[in-house]
Amino acid sequence: MMKLLLSIVFMVMVSVAAWAGPPSLVLVQYRAFPHHIKLTRGAGKTEVIKPSSAAGNNKNAEFEQLHAVLTGLYREGYALQSTSVLGSADRATEVATYVLVKP
């Protein structure tokens, strides 16, 4: 009887894990110059976020815009999984990529 109960519990656990499916993934790419942010949720779901009109008056506008994008994703339930930065000491070639996952 105990083996039957354990096998039922095991089958339920396996089926729940299979039913859950893969996590949702978002990639955010930040390029410092020329400033733009790319956000993709998959094939055909990519958006490019251009600098706001306030960028001329506010030197921190580009970082505030990146903050707004990441805050919005956190509100949707995404969590930062990893970050990578490509480029050299020259800021013009620097590209930061953020991988966010929602379980």
C-alpha atoms as a PDB file:
ATOM      1  CA  MET A   1       0.000   0.000   0.000  1.00  0.00           C
ATOM      2  CA  MET A   2       2.840   2.378   0.867  1.00  0.00           C
ATOM      3  CA  LYS A   3       4.501   1.769  -2.519  1.00  0.00           C
ATOM      4  CA  LEU A   4       1.268   2.599  -4.285  1.00  0.00           C
ATOM      5  CA  LEU A   5       0.922   5.851  -2.396  1.00  0.00           C
ATOM      6  CA  LEU A   6       4.531   6.834  -3.082  1.00  0.00           C
ATOM      7  CA  SER A   7       4.191   6.048  -6.786  1.00  0.00           C
ATOM      8  CA  ILE A   8       1.042   8.199  -7.002  1.00  0.00           C
ATOM      9  CA  VAL A   9       2.801  11.108  -5.298  1.00  0.00           C
ATOM     10  CA  PHE A  10       5.780  10.708  -7.633  1.00  0.00           C
ATOM     11  CA  MET A  11       3.541  10.669 -10.732  1.00  0.00           C
ATOM     12  CA  VAL A  12       1.767  13.837  -9.593  1.00  0.00           C
ATOM     13  CA  MET A  13       5.093  15.605  -8.997  1.00  0.00           C
ATOM     14  CA  VAL A  14       6.424  14.639 -12.436  1.00  0.00           C
ATOM     15  CA  SER A  15       3.252  15.710 -14.229  1.00  0.00           C
ATOM     16  CA  VAL A  16       3.170  19.103 -12.460  1.00  0.00           C
ATOM     17  CA  ALA A  17       6.772  19.809 -13.457  1.00  0.00           C
ATOM     18  CA  ALA A  18       6.057  18.875 -17.077  1.00  0.00           C
ATOM     19  CA  TRP A  19       2.904  20.998 -17.116  1.00  0.00           C
ATOM     20  CA  ALA A  20       4.694  24.114 -15.825  1.00  0.00           C
ATOM     21  CA  GLY A  21       6.581  24.677 -19.095  1.00  0.00           C
ATOM     22  CA  PRO A  22       9.679  26.756 -19.744  1.00  0.00           C
ATOM     23  CA  PRO A  23      10.208  30.119 -18.039  1.00  0.00           C
ATOM     24  CA  SER A  24       9.534  33.379 -19.857  1.00  0.00           C
ATOM     25  CA  LEU A  25      12.740  35.117 -20.959  1.00  0.00           C
ATOM     26  CA  VAL A  26      13.464  38.766 -21.832  1.00  0.00           C
ATOM     27  CA  LEU A  27      16.722  40.180 -23.208  1.00  0.00           C
ATOM     28  CA  VAL A  28      17.532  43.864 -22.714  1.00  0.00           C
ATOM     29  CA  GLN A  29      20.478  45.360 -24.592  1.00  0.00           C
ATOM     30  CA  TYR A  30      21.798  48.808 -23.687  1.00  0.00           C
ATOM     31  CA  ARG A  31      24.140  50.636 -26.051  1.00  0.00           C
ATOM     32  CA  ALA A  32      25.769  53.763 -24.649  1.00  0.00           C
ATOM     33  CA  PHE A  33      26.547  55.461 -27.972  1.00  0.00           C
ATOM     34  CA  PRO A  34      24.448  56.030 -29.947  1.00  0.00           C
ATOM     35  CA  HIS A  35      22.116  55.633 -27.008  1.00  0.00           C
ATOM     36  CA  HIS A  36      19.322  53.122 -27.451  1.00  0.00           C
ATOM     37  CA  ILE A  37      17.769  50.219 -25.603  1.00  0.00           C
ATOM     38  CA  LYS A  38      16.585  47.040 -27.325  1.00  0.00           C
ATOM     39  CA  LEU A  39      14.132  44.748 -25.596  1.00  0.00           C
ATOM     40  CA  THR A  40      13.085  41.374 -26.984  1.00  0.00           C
ATOM     41  CA  ARG A  41      10.611  38.805 -25.739  1.00  0.00           C
ATOM     42  CA  GLY A  42      11.236  36.440 -28.654  1.00  0.00           C
ATOM     43  CA  ALA A  43      11.035  36.221 -32.451  1.00  0.00           C
ATOM     44  CA  GLY A  44       9.106  39.164 -33.859  1.00  0.00           C
ATOM     45  CA  LYS A  45       8.698  40.730 -30.409  1.00  0.00           C
ATOM     46  CA  THR A  46      11.614  43.176 -30.389  1.00  0.00           C
ATOM     47  CA  GLU A  47      11.257  46.854 -29.620  1.00  0.00           C
ATOM     48  CA  VAL A  48      13.850  49.622 -29.814  1.00  0.00           C
ATOM     49  CA  ILE A  49      13.499  52.348 -27.200  1.00  0.00           C
ATOM     50  CA  LYS A  50      14.943  55.644 -28.420  1.00  0.00           C
ATOM     51  CA  PRO A  51      16.251  58.320 -26.064  1.00  0.00           C
ATOM     52  CA  SER A  52      13.602  60.529 -24.524  1.00  0.00           C
ATOM     53  CA  SER A  53      13.273  64.159 -25.552  1.00  0.00           C
ATOM     54  CA  ALA A  54      14.511  65.176 -22.089  1.00  0.00           C
ATOM     55  CA  ALA A  55      17.970  63.771 -22.885  1.00  0.00           C
ATOM     56  CA  GLY A  56      19.249  67.175 -24.038  1.00  0.00           C
ATOM     57  CA  ASN A  57      18.514  68.806 -20.679  1.00  0.00           C
ATOM     58  CA  ASN A  58      19.259  65.890 -18.366  1.00  0.00           C
ATOM     59  CA  LYS A  59      22.650  64.166 -18.564  1.00  0.00           C
ATOM     60  CA  ASN A  60      21.278  61.213 -16.594  1.00  0.00           C
ATOM     61  CA  ALA A  61      18.224  60.705 -18.824  1.00  0.00           C
ATOM     62  CA  GLU A  62      19.617  57.611 -20.560  1.00  0.00           C
ATOM     63  CA  PHE A  63      20.262  55.838 -17.260  1.00  0.00           C
ATOM     64  CA  GLU A  64      16.876  56.892 -15.920  1.00  0.00           C
ATOM     65  CA  GLN A  65      15.285  55.457 -19.056  1.00  0.00           C
ATOM     66  CA  LEU A  66      17.109  52.137 -18.560  1.00  0.00           C
ATOM     67  CA  HIS A  67      15.974  52.191 -14.928  1.00  0.00           C
ATOM     68  CA  ALA A  68      12.359  52.658 -16.043  1.00  0.00           C
ATOM     69  CA  VAL A  69      12.602  49.690 -18.441  1.00  0.00           C
ATOM     70  CA  LEU A  70      14.113  47.362 -15.819  1.00  0.00           C
ATOM     71  CA  THR A  71      11.639  48.530 -13.153  1.00  0.00           C
ATOM     72  CA  GLY A  72       8.750  47.759 -15.487  1.00  0.00           C
ATOM     73  CA  LEU A  73      10.083  44.251 -16.086  1.00  0.00           C
ATOM     74  CA  TYR A  74      10.493  43.656 -12.330  1.00  0.00           C
ATOM     75  CA  ARG A  75       6.861  44.713 -11.854  1.00  0.00           C
ATOM     76  CA  GLU A  76       5.867  42.092 -14.438  1.00  0.00           C
ATOM     77  CA  GLY A  77       7.587  39.462 -12.287  1.00  0.00           C
ATOM     78  CA  TYR A  78      10.924  39.168 -14.092  1.00  0.00           C
ATOM     79  CA  ALA A  79      14.170  38.703 -12.158  1.00  0.00           C
ATOM     80  CA  LEU A  80      17.695  39.422 -13.370  1.00  0.00           C
ATOM     81  CA  GLN A  81      19.424  36.169 -14.332  1.00  0.00           C
ATOM     82  CA  SER A  82      22.711  37.442 -15.777  1.00  0.00           C
ATOM     83  CA  THR A  83      24.515  40.467 -17.197  1.00  0.00           C
ATOM     84  CA  SER A  84      27.296  40.782 -19.728  1.00  0.00           C
ATOM     85  CA  VAL A  85      29.208  43.810 -20.983  1.00  0.00           C
ATOM     86  CA  LEU A  86      31.030  43.822 -24.299  1.00  0.00           C
ATOM     87  CA  GLY A  87      33.332  46.548 -25.515  1.00  0.00           C
ATOM     88  CA  SER A  88      36.548  48.234 -24.631  1.00  0.00           C
ATOM     89  CA  ALA A  89      37.642  51.221 -22.601  1.00  0.00           C
ATOM     90  CA  ASP A  90      36.010  53.335 -25.311  1.00  0.00           C
ATOM     91  CA  ARG A  91      32.452  54.052 -24.159  1.00  0.00           C
ATOM     92  CA  ALA A  92      31.269  54.271 -27.777  1.00  0.00           C
ATOM     93  CA  THR A  93      31.628  50.510 -28.243  1.00  0.00           C
ATOM     94  CA  GLU A  94      30.187  49.381 -24.912  1.00  0.00           C
ATOM     95  CA  VAL A  95      27.094  47.153 -25.018  1.00  0.00           C
ATOM     96  CA  ALA A  96      25.473  45.728 -21.886  1.00  0.00           C
ATOM     97  CA  THR A  97      23.056  42.798 -22.139  1.00  0.00           C
ATOM     98  CA  TYR A  98      20.688  41.834 -19.332  1.00  0.00           C
ATOM     99  CA  VAL A  99      18.881  38.480 -19.217  1.00  0.00           C
ATOM    100  CA  LEU A 100      15.688  38.494 -17.167  1.00  0.00           C
ATOM    101  CA  VAL A 101      13.583  35.431 -16.393  1.00  0.00           C
ATOM    102  CA  LYS A 102      10.054  35.022 -15.094  1.00  0.00           C
ATOM    103  CA  PRO A 103       9.517  31.559 -13.603  1.00  0.00           C
END
